[in-house]
Protein backbone atom coordinates (compact mmCIF):
# COMPACT_ATOMS: atom_id res chain seq x y z
CA UNK A 1 3.06 -46.08 52.47
CA UNK A 2 6.46 -47.47 53.50
CA UNK A 3 7.56 -47.95 49.88
CA UNK A 4 7.02 -44.26 49.23
CA UNK A 5 9.14 -43.37 52.26
CA UNK A 6 11.97 -45.67 51.14
CA UNK A 7 12.11 -43.86 47.81
CA UNK A 8 12.45 -40.54 49.63
CA UNK A 9 15.29 -42.03 51.68
CA UNK A 10 17.26 -43.02 48.60
CA UNK A 11 16.86 -39.51 47.17
CA UNK A 12 18.19 -38.12 50.46
CA UNK A 13 21.30 -40.31 50.21
CA UNK A 14 22.42 -38.33 47.19
CA UNK A 15 22.31 -35.13 49.24
CA UNK A 16 25.80 -33.66 49.95
CA UNK A 17 24.93 -33.57 53.65
CA UNK A 18 25.05 -37.37 53.64
CA UNK A 19 28.02 -37.77 51.28
CA UNK A 20 30.12 -39.04 54.18
CA UNK A 21 29.66 -42.80 54.21
CA UNK A 22 27.50 -42.71 51.08
CA UNK A 23 29.18 -45.77 49.62
CA UNK A 24 28.32 -47.73 52.75
CA UNK A 25 24.69 -46.56 52.73
CA UNK A 26 24.20 -47.55 49.11
CA UNK A 27 24.86 -51.16 50.08
CA UNK A 28 21.95 -50.99 52.52
CA UNK A 29 18.33 -51.59 51.80
CA UNK A 30 16.04 -49.75 54.21
CA UNK A 31 12.73 -51.56 54.38
CA UNK A 32 9.83 -52.14 56.73
CA UNK A 33 10.35 -54.84 59.32
CA UNK A 34 8.27 -57.98 58.86
CA UNK A 35 7.33 -60.94 61.00
CA UNK A 36 10.36 -62.73 59.53
CA UNK A 37 12.63 -60.25 61.33
CA UNK A 38 11.26 -61.08 64.78
CA UNK A 39 14.04 -63.46 65.88
CA UNK A 40 16.83 -61.03 64.94
CA UNK A 41 15.08 -58.05 66.51
CA UNK A 42 14.26 -60.00 69.67
CA UNK A 43 17.87 -61.14 70.01
CA UNK A 44 19.03 -57.53 69.61
CA UNK A 45 16.49 -56.34 72.20
CA UNK A 46 17.98 -58.85 74.64
CA UNK A 47 21.52 -57.60 74.00
CA UNK A 48 20.37 -54.01 74.46
CA UNK A 49 18.56 -54.96 77.65
CA UNK A 50 21.68 -56.72 78.98
CA UNK A 51 23.56 -53.43 78.60
CA UNK A 52 20.84 -51.69 80.61
CA UNK A 53 20.92 -54.37 83.33
CA UNK A 54 24.70 -54.04 83.53
CA UNK A 55 24.58 -50.23 83.56
CA UNK A 56 21.69 -49.88 86.03
CA UNK A 57 21.07 -53.13 87.94
CA UNK A 58 19.19 -51.10 90.54
CA UNK A 59 16.52 -50.31 87.93
CA UNK A 60 16.51 -53.12 85.37
CA UNK A 61 15.79 -56.78 86.03
CA UNK A 62 17.30 -59.65 84.12
CA UNK A 63 14.26 -60.98 82.29
CA UNK A 64 13.74 -63.16 79.25
CA UNK A 65 10.34 -61.72 78.30
CA UNK A 66 11.06 -58.41 76.56
CA UNK A 67 9.20 -58.33 73.28
CA UNK A 68 6.70 -61.05 72.51
CA UNK A 69 6.03 -62.13 68.97
CA UNK A 70 2.50 -60.74 69.29
CA UNK A 71 3.77 -57.33 70.47
CA UNK A 72 6.25 -57.24 67.60
CA UNK A 73 3.52 -58.09 65.08
CA UNK A 74 1.34 -55.27 66.45
CA UNK A 75 4.23 -52.78 66.14
CA UNK A 76 5.04 -53.86 62.58
CA UNK A 77 1.40 -53.55 61.48
CA UNK A 78 0.61 -50.32 63.35
CA UNK A 79 0.49 -46.93 61.63
CA UNK A 80 1.44 -45.39 64.98
CA UNK A 81 4.90 -46.97 64.80
CA UNK A 82 7.75 -46.76 62.33
CA UNK A 83 9.58 -50.09 62.31
CA UNK A 84 12.29 -50.36 59.67
CA UNK A 85 15.38 -52.41 59.17
CA UNK A 86 18.64 -51.89 57.32
CA UNK A 87 19.58 -54.97 55.37
CA UNK A 88 22.81 -55.92 53.67
CA UNK A 89 22.30 -58.76 51.25
CA UNK A 90 19.08 -59.83 53.02
CA UNK A 91 20.78 -59.90 56.45
CA UNK A 92 19.38 -57.54 59.09
CA UNK A 93 22.22 -55.12 59.91
CA UNK A 94 20.19 -52.92 62.23
CA UNK A 95 16.72 -51.58 62.93
CA UNK A 96 14.83 -48.70 64.44
CA UNK A 97 11.45 -48.69 66.11
CA UNK A 98 9.93 -45.28 66.70
CA UNK A 99 6.49 -44.09 67.71
CA UNK A 100 4.54 -41.13 66.41
CA UNK A 101 3.42 -39.03 69.38
CA UNK A 102 1.23 -35.99 69.91
CA UNK A 103 1.62 -33.96 73.07
CA UNK A 104 -1.79 -32.60 73.94
CA UNK A 105 -2.20 -28.86 74.00
CA UNK A 106 -2.99 -27.39 77.38
CA UNK A 107 -2.53 -23.97 79.05
CA UNK A 108 1.15 -24.73 79.72
CA UNK A 109 2.20 -26.70 76.62
CA UNK A 110 1.95 -26.32 72.90
CA UNK A 111 0.68 -29.23 70.86
CA UNK A 112 3.62 -31.05 69.28
CA UNK A 113 3.79 -33.86 66.77
CA UNK A 114 6.97 -35.84 67.34
CA UNK A 115 8.69 -39.09 66.59
CA UNK A 116 10.03 -40.92 69.64
CA UNK A 117 12.81 -43.45 69.05
CA UNK A 118 12.02 -46.43 71.23
CA UNK A 119 14.96 -48.51 70.02
CA UNK A 120 17.72 -48.17 67.49
CA UNK A 121 20.16 -51.03 67.27
CA UNK A 122 22.98 -52.03 64.94
CA UNK A 123 24.18 -55.63 64.97
CA UNK A 124 27.78 -55.85 66.21
CA UNK A 125 29.35 -56.96 62.94
CA UNK A 126 27.80 -53.98 61.12
CA UNK A 127 28.81 -51.25 63.55
CA UNK A 128 30.92 -48.29 62.37
CA UNK A 129 29.67 -48.81 58.79
CA UNK A 130 27.01 -46.10 58.56
CA UNK A 131 24.04 -48.34 59.41
CA UNK A 132 22.85 -46.32 62.42
CA UNK A 133 23.33 -43.08 60.50
CA UNK A 134 21.27 -44.47 57.59
CA UNK A 135 18.47 -45.56 59.90
CA UNK A 136 18.42 -42.13 61.52
CA UNK A 137 18.43 -40.30 58.17
CA UNK A 138 15.42 -42.41 57.19
CA UNK A 139 13.59 -41.15 60.28
CA UNK A 140 14.66 -37.58 59.61
CA UNK A 141 13.24 -37.70 56.08
CA UNK A 142 10.02 -39.20 57.43
CA UNK A 143 9.75 -36.52 60.14
CA UNK A 144 10.21 -33.77 57.56
CA UNK A 145 7.70 -35.40 55.20
CA UNK A 146 5.10 -35.63 57.99
CA UNK A 147 5.87 -32.08 59.25
CA UNK A 148 6.84 -33.31 62.71
CA UNK A 149 8.43 -30.80 65.08
CA UNK A 150 11.26 -33.03 66.30
CA UNK A 151 12.65 -36.48 66.98
CA UNK A 152 13.07 -37.43 70.64
CA UNK A 153 14.77 -40.29 72.44
CA UNK A 154 16.02 -41.28 75.86
CA UNK A 155 19.59 -42.40 76.45
CA UNK A 156 21.20 -43.41 79.72
CA UNK A 157 24.24 -41.48 80.95
CA UNK A 158 26.22 -44.74 81.30
CA UNK A 159 25.91 -45.38 77.55
CA UNK A 160 28.68 -43.02 76.43
CA UNK A 161 28.91 -44.56 72.94
CA UNK A 162 25.22 -43.95 72.27
CA UNK A 163 25.41 -40.41 73.67
CA UNK A 164 28.33 -39.62 71.33
CA UNK A 165 26.48 -41.15 68.37
CA UNK A 166 23.33 -39.11 69.00
CA UNK A 167 25.35 -35.93 69.47
CA UNK A 168 27.08 -36.61 66.12
CA UNK A 169 23.60 -36.64 64.55
CA UNK A 170 22.82 -33.23 66.02
CA UNK A 171 20.81 -34.28 69.07
CA UNK A 172 20.98 -31.96 72.07
CA UNK A 173 20.07 -32.44 75.70
CA UNK A 174 16.43 -31.48 76.13
CA UNK A 175 16.21 -31.93 79.89
CA UNK A 176 18.00 -33.67 82.75
CA UNK A 177 16.41 -36.43 84.77
CA UNK A 178 18.39 -36.30 88.00
CA UNK A 179 18.53 -38.62 90.97
CA UNK A 180 20.10 -39.03 94.37
CA UNK A 181 20.65 -42.64 95.32
CA UNK A 182 20.49 -44.03 98.85
């Protein structure tokens, strides 16, 4: 199933919409994450978590146990998740882990099939090279192929770089989660 999706991604790269940075994307190989990628992904999860701890120490704790090898293996094998990496010459440049979700229909809500980005991360030395954009375009092609209504994610207000990146991809604020601290 993932091989078929990768082929769709490479067709999409030739689309004029993605001509910007095309040369950079062609160097990338988008492929399903495997157990071999665990150490790199786990290290990236820790860096991402450190940013969250620094940005919101009142919410996040400094912990070493974020993503166990067993949890990662379940995600990689699950049909519910999309777990792909962008590789440059066999080195993991970035990855995205997203979950297929269905909001149940009820008197107030319509049933929606969505893709929720749990984590998207680009290794520091590969930033500003089109890796994140390539990973997102992969998800966009998948969402269209599976007739999903939208792609959702959560981003913290303190992460201005991520907010700007998502806005550049066409994301819009869906709702505000507000607080008053004491």
